[in-house]
């Protein structure tokens, strides 16, 4: 059994929780300061790297790769559109 799907899912979960933790704890809505252009570029590069990883190894699990790529794309659109979307 390949560890690739597990690795990809772990990376997505880690990125998701890192974003949630930086937004604030305790369930209270927090207003995050605007991200610096460098942070946004790093985030976008990381997201693109995850998308590429899922695409390159789609032969391992085509269905899982499709789900992962769709989730990454959807989440990235939400991040890019800002908090009002």
C-alpha atoms as a PDB file:
ATOM      1  CA  UNK A   1       0.000   0.000   0.000  1.00  0.00           C
ATOM      2  CA  UNK A   2       1.322   3.390  -0.959  1.00  0.00           C
ATOM      3  CA  UNK A   3       1.722   6.080   1.658  1.00  0.00           C
ATOM      4  CA  UNK A   4       1.123   8.853  -0.871  1.00  0.00           C
ATOM      5  CA  UNK A   5      -2.635   9.245  -0.252  1.00  0.00           C
ATOM      6  CA  UNK A   6      -2.038   9.293   3.485  1.00  0.00           C
ATOM      7  CA  UNK A   7       0.707  11.908   3.066  1.00  0.00           C
ATOM      8  CA  UNK A   8      -1.441  14.122   0.870  1.00  0.00           C
ATOM      9  CA  UNK A   9      -4.378  13.962   3.261  1.00  0.00           C
ATOM     10  CA  UNK A  10      -2.085  14.665   6.212  1.00  0.00           C
ATOM     11  CA  UNK A  11      -0.680  17.733   4.452  1.00  0.00           C
ATOM     12  CA  UNK A  12      -4.153  19.052   3.672  1.00  0.00           C
ATOM     13  CA  UNK A  13      -5.341  18.516   7.234  1.00  0.00           C
ATOM     14  CA  UNK A  14      -2.205  20.162   8.627  1.00  0.00           C
ATOM     15  CA  UNK A  15      -2.627  23.180   6.345  1.00  0.00           C
ATOM     16  CA  UNK A  16      -6.298  23.466   7.259  1.00  0.00           C
ATOM     17  CA  UNK A  17      -5.647  23.345  11.001  1.00  0.00           C
ATOM     18  CA  UNK A  18      -2.689  25.707  10.770  1.00  0.00           C
ATOM     19  CA  UNK A  19      -4.982  28.227   9.123  1.00  0.00           C
ATOM     20  CA  UNK A  20      -7.677  27.733  11.746  1.00  0.00           C
ATOM     21  CA  UNK A  21      -5.220  28.064  14.614  1.00  0.00           C
ATOM     22  CA  UNK A  22      -3.757  31.272  13.233  1.00  0.00           C
ATOM     23  CA  UNK A  23      -7.237  32.778  12.896  1.00  0.00           C
ATOM     24  CA  UNK A  24      -7.849  32.521  16.626  1.00  0.00           C
ATOM     25  CA  UNK A  25      -8.747  30.029  19.318  1.00  0.00           C
ATOM     26  CA  UNK A  26     -11.807  29.484  21.438  1.00  0.00           C
ATOM     27  CA  UNK A  27     -14.356  29.683  18.654  1.00  0.00           C
ATOM     28  CA  UNK A  28     -14.565  33.476  18.906  1.00  0.00           C
ATOM     29  CA  UNK A  29     -14.435  35.182  15.539  1.00  0.00           C
ATOM     30  CA  UNK A  30     -11.095  36.848  15.082  1.00  0.00           C
ATOM     31  CA  UNK A  31     -10.134  39.484  12.597  1.00  0.00           C
ATOM     32  CA  UNK A  32      -6.820  38.491  11.145  1.00  0.00           C
ATOM     33  CA  UNK A  33      -4.517  41.201   9.900  1.00  0.00           C
ATOM     34  CA  UNK A  34      -4.093  41.255   6.148  1.00  0.00           C
ATOM     35  CA  UNK A  35      -1.487  38.787   4.980  1.00  0.00           C
ATOM     36  CA  UNK A  36       1.713  40.138   3.532  1.00  0.00           C
ATOM     37  CA  UNK A  37       2.263  39.575  -0.195  1.00  0.00           C
ATOM     38  CA  UNK A  38       5.130  37.187   0.618  1.00  0.00           C
ATOM     39  CA  UNK A  39       2.891  35.079   2.889  1.00  0.00           C
ATOM     40  CA  UNK A  40       0.222  34.941   0.202  1.00  0.00           C
ATOM     41  CA  UNK A  41       2.787  33.888  -2.393  1.00  0.00           C
ATOM     42  CA  UNK A  42       4.110  31.152  -0.080  1.00  0.00           C
ATOM     43  CA  UNK A  43       0.568  29.921   0.605  1.00  0.00           C
ATOM     44  CA  UNK A  44      -0.268  29.856  -3.086  1.00  0.00           C
ATOM     45  CA  UNK A  45       2.967  28.006  -3.887  1.00  0.00           C
ATOM     46  CA  UNK A  46       2.238  25.415  -1.190  1.00  0.00           C
ATOM     47  CA  UNK A  47      -1.297  24.894  -2.472  1.00  0.00           C
ATOM     48  CA  UNK A  48      -0.010  24.513  -6.022  1.00  0.00           C
ATOM     49  CA  UNK A  49       2.594  22.002  -4.800  1.00  0.00           C
ATOM     50  CA  UNK A  50      -0.132  19.905  -3.137  1.00  0.00           C
ATOM     51  CA  UNK A  51      -2.254  20.036  -6.283  1.00  0.00           C
ATOM     52  CA  UNK A  52       0.712  18.937  -8.419  1.00  0.00           C
ATOM     53  CA  UNK A  53       1.546  16.104  -6.014  1.00  0.00           C
ATOM     54  CA  UNK A  54      -1.993  14.749  -6.259  1.00  0.00           C
ATOM     55  CA  UNK A  55      -1.939  15.083 -10.064  1.00  0.00           C
ATOM     56  CA  UNK A  56       1.459  13.423 -10.513  1.00  0.00           C
ATOM     57  CA  UNK A  57       0.432  10.409  -8.440  1.00  0.00           C
ATOM     58  CA  UNK A  58      -3.140  10.072  -9.692  1.00  0.00           C
ATOM     59  CA  UNK A  59      -2.317   6.558 -10.926  1.00  0.00           C
ATOM     60  CA  UNK A  60      -2.036   5.422  -7.292  1.00  0.00           C
ATOM     61  CA  UNK A  61      -5.649   6.342  -6.578  1.00  0.00           C
ATOM     62  CA  UNK A  62      -7.471   8.227  -9.327  1.00  0.00           C
ATOM     63  CA  UNK A  63     -10.629   8.776  -7.270  1.00  0.00           C
ATOM     64  CA  UNK A  64      -8.730  10.061  -4.253  1.00  0.00           C
ATOM     65  CA  UNK A  65      -6.581  12.336  -6.418  1.00  0.00           C
ATOM     66  CA  UNK A  66      -9.691  13.826  -8.004  1.00  0.00           C
ATOM     67  CA  UNK A  67     -11.251  14.487  -4.603  1.00  0.00           C
ATOM     68  CA  UNK A  68      -8.038  16.008  -3.252  1.00  0.00           C
ATOM     69  CA  UNK A  69      -7.546  18.261  -6.292  1.00  0.00           C
ATOM     70  CA  UNK A  70     -11.177  19.418  -6.092  1.00  0.00           C
ATOM     71  CA  UNK A  71     -10.891  20.170  -2.369  1.00  0.00           C
ATOM     72  CA  UNK A  72      -7.624  22.055  -2.837  1.00  0.00           C
ATOM     73  CA  UNK A  73      -9.093  24.107  -5.683  1.00  0.00           C
ATOM     74  CA  UNK A  74     -12.284  24.919  -3.756  1.00  0.00           C
ATOM     75  CA  UNK A  75     -10.433  25.881  -0.590  1.00  0.00           C
ATOM     76  CA  UNK A  76      -7.891  27.947  -2.535  1.00  0.00           C
ATOM     77  CA  UNK A  77     -10.704  29.878  -4.259  1.00  0.00           C
ATOM     78  CA  UNK A  78     -12.232  30.655  -0.866  1.00  0.00           C
ATOM     79  CA  UNK A  79      -8.861  31.810   0.503  1.00  0.00           C
ATOM     80  CA  UNK A  80      -8.171  33.949  -2.543  1.00  0.00           C
ATOM     81  CA  UNK A  81     -11.583  35.605  -2.586  1.00  0.00           C
ATOM     82  CA  UNK A  82     -11.229  36.919   0.943  1.00  0.00           C
ATOM     83  CA  UNK A  83     -13.404  36.816   4.071  1.00  0.00           C
ATOM     84  CA  UNK A  84     -16.488  38.343   2.438  1.00  0.00           C
ATOM     85  CA  UNK A  85     -16.999  35.458   0.022  1.00  0.00           C
END
